[in-house]
Amino acid sequence: MQPNNQYTDQAPQKTNNNQNRQPTLVILAHLVWIIGVVIAIILAIRFLLILFAANSANGFVNFIYTISYPLARPFFGIFNYQIHYGVSRVEFASLVGIAIYSIVAYLIAKILTINHPQTI
């Protein structure tokens, strides 16, 4: 006859709230990375369009300029920025924005996953 396993000598397992919280933080860190990458891609497209003097009357070009302007604007004062759409030039504000937003996204993701170094 098999012994009844209803009563065992094992202590009940406690659930650790920290274990339940960690996957949420990892997901949040990945979400931060995704947002950072999307911002960097938008600024990179802006940089290329300005570099090649894209026509701002084009719908796509105008859309990219419109959504990327608030992202690049904080960095305009660094290099004495003057808006001249349709003129080929290197917009350093976009490059600085790509670097800064990428570093900030990395640091936030790293802080969120400080107890899980393999995730980021």
Protein backbone atom coordinates (compact mmCIF):
# COMPACT_ATOMS: atom_id res chain seq x y z
CA MET A 1 0.00 0.00 0.00
CA GLN A 2 1.19 3.47 -0.85
CA PRO A 3 1.55 5.94 1.99
CA ASN A 4 -0.83 8.87 1.95
CA ASN A 5 1.08 11.95 0.74
CA GLN A 6 -1.40 14.29 2.31
CA TYR A 7 0.79 14.77 5.38
CA THR A 8 4.49 15.26 4.71
CA ASP A 9 7.40 16.55 6.70
CA GLN A 10 8.04 19.38 4.22
CA ALA A 11 7.39 22.93 5.35
CA PRO A 12 5.00 24.97 3.23
CA GLN A 13 6.78 27.11 0.70
CA LYS A 14 6.53 30.84 1.13
CA THR A 15 6.09 33.00 -1.93
CA ASN A 16 8.59 35.77 -2.16
CA ASN A 17 7.15 39.08 -3.35
CA ASN A 18 10.58 40.02 -4.68
CA GLN A 19 10.50 37.03 -7.06
CA ASN A 20 7.09 38.08 -8.34
CA ARG A 21 8.23 41.67 -8.80
CA GLN A 22 11.39 40.90 -10.76
CA PRO A 23 9.72 39.76 -14.00
CA THR A 24 7.67 42.96 -13.94
CA LEU A 25 10.83 45.05 -13.63
CA VAL A 26 12.49 43.11 -16.44
CA ILE A 27 9.47 43.73 -18.67
CA LEU A 28 9.53 47.40 -17.71
CA ALA A 29 13.25 47.56 -18.53
CA HIS A 30 12.58 46.07 -21.96
CA LEU A 31 9.80 48.59 -22.49
CA VAL A 32 12.23 51.41 -21.63
CA TRP A 33 14.68 50.00 -24.18
CA ILE A 34 12.00 49.81 -26.85
CA ILE A 35 11.01 53.44 -26.25
CA GLY A 36 14.68 54.49 -26.33
CA VAL A 37 15.26 52.67 -29.61
CA VAL A 38 12.16 54.20 -31.20
CA ILE A 39 13.32 57.69 -30.17
CA ALA A 40 16.81 57.01 -31.54
CA ILE A 41 15.39 55.74 -34.85
CA ILE A 42 13.15 58.80 -35.24
CA LEU A 43 16.11 61.11 -34.59
CA ALA A 44 18.32 59.12 -36.97
CA ILE A 45 15.72 59.44 -39.73
CA ARG A 46 15.52 63.20 -39.00
CA PHE A 47 19.30 63.44 -39.22
CA LEU A 48 19.39 61.67 -42.59
CA LEU A 49 16.52 63.73 -44.03
CA ILE A 50 18.22 66.98 -43.06
CA LEU A 51 21.59 65.72 -44.27
CA PHE A 52 20.15 64.97 -47.70
CA ALA A 53 18.03 68.16 -47.80
CA ALA A 54 14.70 66.35 -48.00
CA ASN A 55 11.74 68.35 -49.24
CA SER A 56 9.72 69.37 -46.15
CA ALA A 57 6.57 69.68 -48.30
CA ASN A 58 6.57 65.87 -48.62
CA GLY A 59 4.08 64.27 -46.22
CA PHE A 60 6.48 61.70 -44.75
CA VAL A 61 9.30 64.20 -44.33
CA ASN A 62 6.96 66.70 -42.70
CA PHE A 63 5.65 63.97 -40.37
CA ILE A 64 9.18 63.02 -39.26
CA TYR A 65 10.13 66.66 -38.73
CA THR A 66 6.96 67.23 -36.70
CA ILE A 67 7.36 64.25 -34.36
CA SER A 68 11.14 64.59 -34.01
CA TYR A 69 11.23 68.34 -33.32
CA PRO A 70 10.27 68.04 -29.61
CA LEU A 71 12.87 65.28 -29.19
CA ALA A 72 15.70 67.25 -30.81
CA ARG A 73 14.75 70.70 -29.50
CA PRO A 74 16.48 70.41 -26.09
CA PHE A 75 19.81 70.04 -27.92
CA PHE A 76 19.46 72.93 -30.42
CA GLY A 77 21.24 75.47 -28.22
CA ILE A 78 24.40 73.37 -27.95
CA PHE A 79 25.54 74.10 -31.51
CA ASN A 80 23.86 77.46 -32.32
CA TYR A 81 21.02 75.86 -34.26
CA GLN A 82 19.15 77.68 -37.04
CA ILE A 83 16.18 75.96 -38.73
CA HIS A 84 16.75 75.70 -42.49
CA TYR A 85 14.73 72.85 -43.95
CA GLY A 86 15.57 71.88 -47.51
CA VAL A 87 19.24 72.82 -47.09
CA SER A 88 21.77 70.04 -46.79
CA ARG A 89 23.66 70.20 -43.52
CA VAL A 90 24.75 68.10 -40.56
CA GLU A 91 22.41 68.56 -37.60
CA PHE A 92 24.54 67.77 -34.57
CA ALA A 93 21.57 68.27 -32.22
CA SER A 94 20.01 65.06 -33.56
CA LEU A 95 23.25 63.13 -33.06
CA VAL A 96 23.59 64.41 -29.49
CA GLY A 97 19.94 63.53 -28.88
CA ILE A 98 20.49 59.98 -30.11
CA ALA A 99 23.44 59.57 -27.74
CA ILE A 100 21.73 61.16 -24.72
CA TYR A 101 18.43 59.29 -25.10
CA SER A 102 20.27 56.00 -25.61
CA ILE A 103 22.40 56.53 -22.49
CA VAL A 104 19.36 57.51 -20.41
CA ALA A 105 17.39 54.47 -21.61
CA TYR A 106 20.35 52.21 -20.81
CA LEU A 107 20.77 53.64 -17.31
CA ILE A 108 17.05 53.40 -16.49
CA ALA A 109 16.92 49.80 -17.75
CA LYS A 110 20.06 48.96 -15.77
CA ILE A 111 18.61 50.45 -12.57
CA LEU A 112 15.37 48.51 -13.03
CA THR A 113 17.25 45.23 -13.44
CA ILE A 114 20.04 45.76 -10.95
CA ASN A 115 19.32 42.38 -9.31
CA HIS A 116 19.23 40.58 -12.68
CA PRO A 117 22.51 41.46 -14.44
CA GLN A 118 21.95 38.93 -17.26
CA THR A 119 18.78 40.57 -18.54
CA ILE A 120 20.23 43.77 -20.01
